[in-house]
Protein backbone atom coordinates (compact mmCIF):
# COMPACT_ATOMS: atom_id res chain seq x y z
CA MET A 1 13.12 3.92 -15.66
CA ALA A 2 10.72 0.22 -16.37
CA GLN A 3 9.90 -2.84 -14.31
CA PRO A 4 11.49 -6.03 -15.78
CA THR A 5 9.34 -8.19 -17.54
CA GLN A 6 8.22 -11.18 -14.54
CA GLN A 7 7.18 -14.92 -15.65
CA SER A 8 4.01 -15.59 -14.24
CA ASP A 9 3.20 -17.25 -11.26
CA HIS A 10 3.95 -20.74 -11.37
CA PRO A 11 1.21 -22.73 -13.24
CA ASN A 12 0.95 -25.36 -10.72
CA GLN A 13 -1.74 -22.50 -8.94
CA PHE A 14 -3.33 -22.10 -11.36
CA ALA A 15 -6.00 -25.33 -10.74
CA ARG A 16 -6.14 -24.16 -7.32
CA GLN A 17 -6.86 -20.87 -8.15
CA THR A 18 -9.43 -21.23 -10.93
CA ARG A 19 -12.94 -20.87 -10.07
CA GLY A 20 -14.42 -23.48 -12.89
CA ALA A 21 -15.89 -23.09 -16.03
CA SER A 22 -19.79 -21.88 -15.26
CA SER A 23 -20.09 -18.70 -14.69
CA GLN A 24 -23.49 -16.17 -13.62
CA HIS A 25 -22.04 -12.54 -14.98
CA ALA A 26 -22.18 -12.51 -19.10
CA VAL A 27 -20.02 -11.42 -21.46
CA ILE A 28 -21.65 -8.62 -24.13
CA SER A 29 -19.97 -8.24 -27.31
CA LEU A 30 -20.50 -5.05 -28.92
CA SER A 31 -18.82 -6.25 -32.01
CA GLU A 32 -20.38 -6.56 -35.25
CA VAL A 33 -21.09 -10.41 -37.02
CA VAL A 34 -20.83 -10.76 -40.38
CA PRO A 35 -20.77 -14.04 -42.46
CA ASP A 36 -16.85 -14.43 -44.19
CA ILE A 37 -17.14 -16.03 -47.47
CA MET A 38 -13.49 -17.84 -47.87
CA LEU A 39 -12.69 -18.91 -51.19
CA THR A 40 -9.24 -20.48 -52.19
CA VAL A 41 -7.84 -19.13 -55.68
CA ASP A 42 -5.15 -19.83 -57.67
CA GLN A 43 -3.95 -15.63 -57.93
CA VAL A 44 -5.97 -12.90 -56.82
CA PRO A 45 -7.42 -11.23 -60.16
CA THR A 46 -5.73 -7.53 -61.50
CA PRO A 47 -8.62 -5.41 -62.46
CA GLY A 48 -11.03 -6.67 -65.16
CA GLY A 49 -9.30 -10.18 -64.72
CA TYR A 50 -10.92 -13.32 -64.25
CA ALA A 51 -10.18 -16.21 -61.62
CA VAL A 52 -11.81 -19.43 -60.78
CA ALA A 53 -12.11 -20.61 -56.96
CA GLY A 54 -12.49 -23.68 -55.23
CA ALA A 55 -15.30 -24.59 -53.09
CA PRO A 56 -16.58 -21.49 -51.22
CA HIS A 57 -16.80 -21.72 -47.20
CA VAL A 58 -19.24 -19.96 -45.35
CA THR A 59 -18.51 -19.10 -41.28
CA ILE A 60 -20.17 -16.88 -39.13
CA ALA A 61 -17.06 -14.44 -37.83
CA ALA A 62 -16.27 -10.59 -36.30
CA GLY A 63 -17.00 -10.68 -33.25
CA TYR A 64 -19.25 -14.43 -33.01
CA ARG A 65 -16.11 -16.01 -32.44
CA VAL A 66 -15.73 -14.16 -29.40
CA MET A 67 -18.62 -15.23 -27.93
CA LYS A 68 -18.50 -18.88 -28.64
CA ALA A 69 -15.30 -18.83 -26.93
CA ALA A 70 -16.40 -17.22 -23.90
CA ARG A 71 -19.35 -20.08 -24.48
CA GLN A 72 -17.01 -22.35 -24.29
CA MET A 73 -15.39 -21.46 -21.35
CA GLY A 74 -19.20 -21.49 -19.74
CA ALA A 75 -19.46 -18.11 -19.72
CA PRO A 76 -23.36 -16.88 -20.19
CA ALA A 77 -22.89 -14.78 -24.52
CA LYS A 78 -24.84 -11.68 -25.71
CA HIS A 79 -24.72 -9.59 -28.50
CA GLY A 80 -25.52 -6.35 -28.15
CA GLY A 81 -24.36 -5.05 -31.76
CA ILE A 82 -26.70 -4.71 -34.96
CA LEU A 83 -28.19 -6.99 -36.66
CA GLY A 84 -30.13 -6.91 -40.16
CA ASN A 85 -33.48 -8.26 -41.95
CA GLY A 86 -32.56 -11.21 -43.91
CA PRO A 87 -31.03 -13.94 -45.64
CA LEU A 88 -27.47 -13.22 -44.09
CA ALA A 89 -28.93 -12.00 -41.14
CA GLY A 90 -31.02 -15.25 -40.75
CA MET A 91 -28.08 -16.77 -40.99
CA ILE A 92 -26.51 -15.21 -38.04
CA HIS A 93 -29.06 -15.60 -35.39
CA ALA A 94 -29.34 -19.35 -36.38
CA THR A 95 -25.82 -19.71 -35.58
CA PHE A 96 -26.45 -18.05 -32.52
CA GLU A 97 -29.49 -20.09 -31.50
CA GLN A 98 -26.84 -23.27 -31.71
CA SER A 99 -24.93 -21.54 -29.95
CA GLU A 100 -26.91 -20.57 -27.18
CA ILE A 101 -25.82 -16.96 -28.17
CA GLU A 102 -28.43 -14.24 -27.03
CA HIS A 103 -29.03 -11.41 -29.26
CA VAL A 104 -30.22 -8.54 -27.36
CA GLY A 105 -29.34 -5.45 -29.86
CA GLN A 106 -30.97 -3.47 -31.97
CA ASP A 107 -32.20 -5.33 -35.47
CA ARG A 108 -32.45 -2.59 -38.11
CA LEU A 109 -35.79 -3.75 -40.50
CA ASP A 110 -34.43 -1.95 -43.54
CA GLU A 111 -31.33 -3.60 -44.76
CA ASP A 112 -29.92 -6.82 -43.87
CA SER A 113 -26.50 -7.40 -42.43
CA GLY A 114 -22.94 -6.73 -44.42
CA PHE A 115 -21.26 -9.84 -44.99
CA ARG A 116 -16.76 -9.75 -46.02
CA ILE A 117 -15.19 -12.00 -48.97
CA MET A 118 -11.88 -13.67 -48.20
CA LEU A 119 -9.60 -14.52 -51.21
CA SER A 120 -6.77 -17.18 -50.19
CA ASP A 121 -3.89 -17.56 -53.00
CA PRO A 122 -0.93 -20.22 -52.39
CA ALA A 123 1.52 -18.20 -50.99
CA GLY A 124 -0.89 -17.51 -48.15
CA THR A 125 -1.66 -14.06 -48.73
CA LYS A 126 -5.49 -13.26 -47.42
CA THR A 127 -7.69 -10.72 -49.86
CA LEU A 128 -10.06 -9.46 -47.64
CA ILE A 129 -13.38 -7.01 -49.16
CA ALA A 130 -16.51 -6.11 -47.44
CA ALA A 131 -19.46 -5.41 -47.74
CA TYR A 132 -21.41 -3.07 -44.71
CA GLY A 133 -25.05 -3.80 -43.96
CA ALA A 134 -26.94 -2.82 -40.69
CA GLU A 135 -24.42 -3.57 -38.38
CA ALA A 136 -21.88 -0.69 -39.56
CA HIS A 137 -24.96 2.00 -39.72
CA GLY A 138 -26.03 2.38 -36.46
CA SER A 139 -26.43 5.97 -35.03
CA GLU A 140 -26.07 7.93 -31.30
CA ASP A 141 -28.56 5.55 -29.99
CA ALA A 142 -27.11 2.20 -31.32
CA PHE A 143 -26.03 0.68 -27.11
CA ASP A 144 -28.75 2.83 -25.33
CA GLY A 145 -30.01 -0.28 -24.93
CA ILE A 146 -27.18 -1.74 -23.62
CA GLU A 147 -27.35 -2.32 -19.47
CA PRO A 148 -24.39 -4.56 -17.95
CA ASP A 149 -24.45 -6.08 -14.99
CA ASP A 150 -22.64 -5.92 -11.86
CA GLY A 151 -19.47 -8.64 -12.91
CA ASP A 152 -20.27 -8.03 -16.81
CA VAL A 153 -17.84 -7.82 -19.02
CA VAL A 154 -18.48 -6.35 -21.90
CA HIS A 155 -16.34 -6.33 -24.89
CA ILE A 156 -15.70 -3.96 -28.14
CA SER A 157 -14.43 -5.40 -31.38
CA GLY A 158 -11.98 -3.30 -33.53
CA ASN A 159 -14.17 -3.19 -36.15
CA THR A 160 -17.19 -1.60 -34.48
CA LEU A 161 -14.11 1.76 -34.06
CA THR A 162 -14.25 2.81 -37.35
CA ASN A 163 -17.60 2.91 -39.02
CA GLN A 164 -20.84 5.13 -38.83
CA THR A 165 -21.39 2.69 -35.12
CA ALA A 166 -18.84 4.14 -33.56
CA SER A 167 -21.26 6.93 -32.99
CA GLY A 168 -23.16 5.35 -30.73
CA LEU A 169 -20.07 3.44 -29.31
CA LEU A 170 -19.10 7.04 -27.84
CA THR A 171 -22.63 7.76 -26.35
CA PHE A 172 -22.28 4.15 -24.33
CA LEU A 173 -18.91 4.96 -22.92
CA THR A 174 -20.00 9.08 -22.47
CA LYS A 175 -22.21 7.87 -19.84
CA PRO A 176 -21.97 9.05 -16.59
CA GLU A 177 -22.72 5.82 -15.13
CA ASN A 178 -20.13 3.46 -17.64
CA ALA A 179 -17.32 6.04 -16.55
CA HIS A 180 -14.40 4.26 -14.77
CA GLY A 181 -14.62 4.34 -11.44
CA THR A 182 -18.13 4.32 -11.42
CA ARG A 183 -19.18 1.05 -13.21
CA SER A 184 -19.69 -1.93 -11.89
CA PHE A 185 -18.75 -4.28 -15.09
CA ARG A 186 -15.47 -4.24 -17.25
CA ILE A 187 -14.66 -3.49 -20.32
CA VAL A 188 -12.43 -5.49 -22.56
CA LEU A 189 -11.52 -3.79 -25.95
CA ASN A 190 -9.83 -5.53 -28.97
CA PRO A 191 -8.49 -2.39 -31.00
CA THR A 192 -7.99 -2.48 -34.82
CA SER A 193 -4.84 -2.29 -36.95
CA ALA A 194 -6.96 -0.13 -38.88
CA LEU A 195 -6.59 2.59 -35.13
CA ALA A 196 -5.61 5.94 -37.92
CA GLN A 197 -8.58 6.19 -39.32
CA VAL A 198 -10.62 6.20 -35.46
CA SER A 199 -11.04 9.95 -34.52
CA ASP A 200 -9.67 11.61 -31.23
CA GLN A 201 -12.81 11.86 -29.59
CA LEU A 202 -13.79 8.01 -30.01
CA LEU A 203 -10.14 7.52 -28.56
CA GLU A 204 -9.96 9.56 -26.23
CA ALA A 205 -12.85 8.11 -24.69
CA LEU A 206 -11.88 4.44 -25.35
CA VAL A 207 -8.56 5.90 -22.69
CA LEU A 208 -10.84 7.23 -20.69
CA ALA A 209 -13.22 4.03 -20.10
CA ARG A 210 -9.55 1.74 -18.66
CA PRO A 211 -11.04 -1.02 -20.13
CA THR A 212 -8.45 -4.23 -20.75
CA TRP A 213 -6.69 -3.78 -24.27
CA SER A 214 -6.34 -7.12 -25.35
CA CYS A 215 -3.88 -6.64 -29.08
CA ASN A 216 -1.66 -8.61 -31.01
CA ARG A 217 2.40 -6.85 -31.65
CA GLN A 218 0.84 -5.29 -34.20
CA GLN A 219 -2.31 -4.09 -33.20
CA ALA A 220 -0.38 -2.84 -29.82
CA ASP A 221 2.52 -1.46 -32.21
CA VAL A 222 -0.07 0.54 -34.32
CA LEU A 223 -2.08 1.59 -30.46
CA ALA A 224 1.40 2.64 -29.53
CA ASN A 225 2.28 5.28 -32.73
CA ARG A 226 -1.17 7.20 -32.19
CA LEU A 227 -0.51 7.52 -28.57
CA GLY A 228 2.46 9.46 -29.59
CA ILE A 229 4.83 6.09 -27.83
CA ALA A 230 7.96 4.55 -29.33
CA PRO A 231 7.07 1.12 -30.95
CA ILE A 232 8.97 -1.88 -30.78
CA ASP A 233 12.32 -1.93 -31.86
CA SER A 234 11.66 -4.28 -34.70
CA LYS A 235 15.72 -5.05 -34.63
CA LYS A 236 14.60 -7.12 -31.64
CA ILE A 237 12.46 -9.11 -32.80
CA THR A 238 14.49 -11.14 -35.55
CA VAL A 239 15.99 -13.87 -34.64
CA GLY A 240 19.28 -13.09 -31.74
CA GLY A 241 16.72 -10.28 -30.52
CA ASP A 242 15.71 -10.18 -27.29
CA VAL A 243 11.73 -10.71 -27.57
CA THR A 244 10.56 -10.60 -23.92
CA THR A 245 13.11 -7.51 -23.68
CA ALA A 246 11.71 -5.63 -26.21
CA MET A 247 7.93 -7.08 -25.89
CA GLY A 248 7.59 -6.30 -21.57
CA ASP A 249 8.77 -3.00 -22.54
CA LEU A 250 6.27 -2.43 -24.91
CA ALA A 251 4.07 -3.51 -22.61
CA MET A 252 5.47 -1.16 -19.99
CA ARG A 253 4.95 2.09 -21.75
CA LEU A 254 1.57 1.53 -23.31
CA GLY A 255 0.63 0.88 -19.99
CA ASP A 256 2.04 3.35 -17.91
CA VAL A 257 0.32 5.72 -20.52
CA LEU A 258 -3.30 3.68 -20.88
CA LYS A 259 -3.45 3.56 -16.77
CA ALA A 260 -4.92 0.33 -17.57
CA PRO A 261 -4.44 -3.61 -18.03
CA ILE A 262 -3.03 -4.18 -21.19
CA VAL A 263 -2.42 -7.90 -23.06
CA ILE A 264 -0.27 -8.14 -26.31
CA ARG A 265 -0.25 -11.60 -27.26
CA SER A 266 2.76 -12.89 -30.21
CA GLY A 267 1.19 -16.75 -30.53
CA ALA A 268 3.56 -19.24 -30.25
CA LYS A 269 6.20 -17.01 -27.40
CA GLY A 270 3.31 -16.06 -25.45
CA ALA A 271 1.61 -12.97 -24.25
CA TRP A 272 2.70 -10.19 -22.50
CA VAL A 273 0.68 -8.62 -19.03
CA ARG A 274 0.75 -5.71 -17.84
CA ASP A 275 -2.18 -5.62 -15.35
CA VAL A 276 -3.52 -2.91 -12.44
CA ASP A 277 -4.02 -3.75 -8.80
CA ALA A 278 -7.66 -3.00 -6.97
CA ASP A 279 -6.25 0.26 -5.63
CA GLY A 280 -5.19 0.81 -9.53
CA ARG A 281 -0.85 1.06 -8.89
CA LYS A 282 0.38 -0.55 -11.93
CA LEU A 283 2.12 -3.92 -11.98
CA GLY A 284 4.93 -5.36 -13.33
CA VAL A 285 5.04 -7.14 -16.45
CA ALA A 286 4.09 -10.56 -16.35
CA HIS A 287 5.13 -12.93 -19.41
CA VAL A 288 2.70 -15.48 -19.76
CA LYS A 289 4.06 -18.66 -21.45
CA GLY A 290 2.67 -19.65 -25.16
CA TYR A 291 2.94 -23.33 -26.90
CA PRO A 292 4.44 -24.07 -29.57
CA THR A 293 1.86 -24.86 -32.52
CA GLU A 294 1.91 -25.99 -35.60
CA SER A 295 0.33 -23.49 -38.00
CA VAL A 296 -2.42 -24.85 -39.74
CA HIS A 297 -4.53 -21.85 -40.07
CA THR A 298 -5.63 -19.30 -42.21
CA ARG A 299 -7.20 -16.61 -39.93
CA SER A 300 -6.01 -15.67 -36.19
CA ALA A 301 -7.31 -17.52 -32.85
CA GLY A 302 -6.85 -13.39 -32.01
CA SER A 303 -11.10 -14.15 -31.43
CA CYS A 304 -10.47 -17.09 -29.23
CA HIS A 305 -7.61 -16.07 -27.27
CA THR A 306 -10.11 -12.43 -26.77
CA GLY A 307 -13.54 -14.55 -25.51
CA VAL A 308 -11.58 -16.60 -22.96
CA ILE A 309 -10.27 -13.69 -21.54
CA CYS A 310 -13.60 -11.79 -21.35
CA ALA A 311 -14.96 -15.32 -20.01
CA ARG A 312 -12.31 -15.90 -17.23
CA LEU A 313 -12.63 -11.98 -15.93
CA ALA A 314 -16.07 -12.80 -15.60
CA ALA A 315 -16.15 -15.68 -13.61
CA GLY A 316 -13.76 -13.28 -10.94
CA GLU A 317 -10.23 -14.89 -12.10
CA ARG A 318 -6.83 -12.48 -12.15
CA LEU A 319 -6.01 -11.07 -15.61
CA VAL A 320 -2.30 -13.12 -16.24
CA ASP A 321 -4.53 -16.49 -15.01
CA ALA A 322 -6.95 -15.60 -17.66
CA VAL A 323 -4.25 -15.24 -20.71
CA ARG A 324 -2.80 -17.66 -19.22
CA LEU A 325 -6.02 -20.40 -20.06
CA ALA A 326 -5.89 -17.76 -23.36
CA ASN A 327 -2.93 -18.75 -24.34
CA ALA A 328 -4.01 -22.91 -24.32
CA ALA A 329 -6.51 -22.08 -25.71
CA ALA A 330 -6.07 -20.73 -29.03
CA SER A 331 -3.53 -22.71 -29.13
CA ILE A 332 -5.91 -26.14 -29.44
CA ALA A 333 -7.94 -23.87 -31.85
CA ILE A 334 -5.55 -23.51 -33.97
CA GLN A 335 -4.50 -27.62 -34.44
CA ARG A 336 -8.68 -27.82 -34.60
CA SER A 337 -8.43 -25.46 -38.14
CA VAL A 338 -11.63 -26.35 -40.04
CA ARG A 339 -11.20 -24.81 -43.78
CA GLY A 340 -8.52 -22.66 -41.66
CA VAL A 341 -11.48 -21.34 -39.21
CA PRO A 342 -9.69 -22.45 -35.40
CA VAL A 343 -12.24 -23.78 -33.49
CA CYS A 344 -11.93 -23.07 -29.70
CA PRO A 345 -11.98 -26.07 -27.59
CA SER A 346 -13.87 -26.95 -24.35
CA TYR A 347 -12.72 -24.66 -21.17
CA ALA A 348 -12.00 -28.74 -19.59
CA GLU A 349 -9.88 -29.07 -22.28
CA ALA A 350 -8.51 -25.62 -21.83
CA LEU A 351 -7.75 -26.36 -18.43
CA MET A 352 -6.13 -30.00 -18.90
CA LYS A 353 -3.66 -28.62 -21.69
CA VAL A 354 -2.10 -25.56 -18.60
CA ASN A 355 -1.90 -28.57 -15.99
CA GLU A 356 -0.07 -30.87 -18.44
CA ALA A 357 2.48 -28.25 -18.64
CA ALA A 358 2.67 -27.47 -15.29
């Protein structure tokens, strides 16, 4: 029988357990980083049609926001993904320099980095068009130069699982020195909602690596379906349903199969955490409360949430405490959205919100 969902330790203990903002261990992201060109249109045109957009807003996106959040929490951040050669890659390099993020991955000289166009209509529907570039055209040696130090945290993005660079990720995960039980660094994985496109071989390597899985509810459902686990019952998350029990049950069942820590976040409802202890024994599920936040964003705050988790694990915190801080940071990030893009706060600001709620 599944263990019941537990409330996490009282937040008053948080200030005593935290290890401060600074960390000598780095967060290394193997993710794609591309510019997003965001356009607001009256309606998305039909094929052959025409639409007039408002002023474009260009922002560096994808894995950059995870690394930026890690920097905001005081962790050194490094990008181990692939950048190209051209004006788009130049924008990324300039943003890295401003944010004190070190690029340690490969640079392709034969093509530029890609980009994405996001169309938003008055109903809030988002239509995404991706143009792949250097970041998606890596080979088996894409991450050969990435050698994490003891205590580092390696972040893997779902986008990297579904294109050519996935072959390099498979090579990285299957190196004997990077195997679970052998490596001295942690892996945090953001799976994609397009897990159906991930090869069986790569999915098996991901499961065997025993990363910390950081998902939203949709990604958790897709992951459950891919693993042959019954997804969450939608009736249990509607008005009148027992959300806490339903989400806790899903986290429990996923943790049993993955044999690894898992975080399932659900915005203001908080997050459900299934961790393992130092001996690898599975623990119960803790519900870490969220914060009621007015929705003023068009992009998810999931990258901020995951970046905070990565940074705080690098600082040696328990996963449940890292998630508590991540919940606070994500709620502030949404309130501070710029053109719909959440902006991660500083460590001190996020910690203050946690302690005010204690």
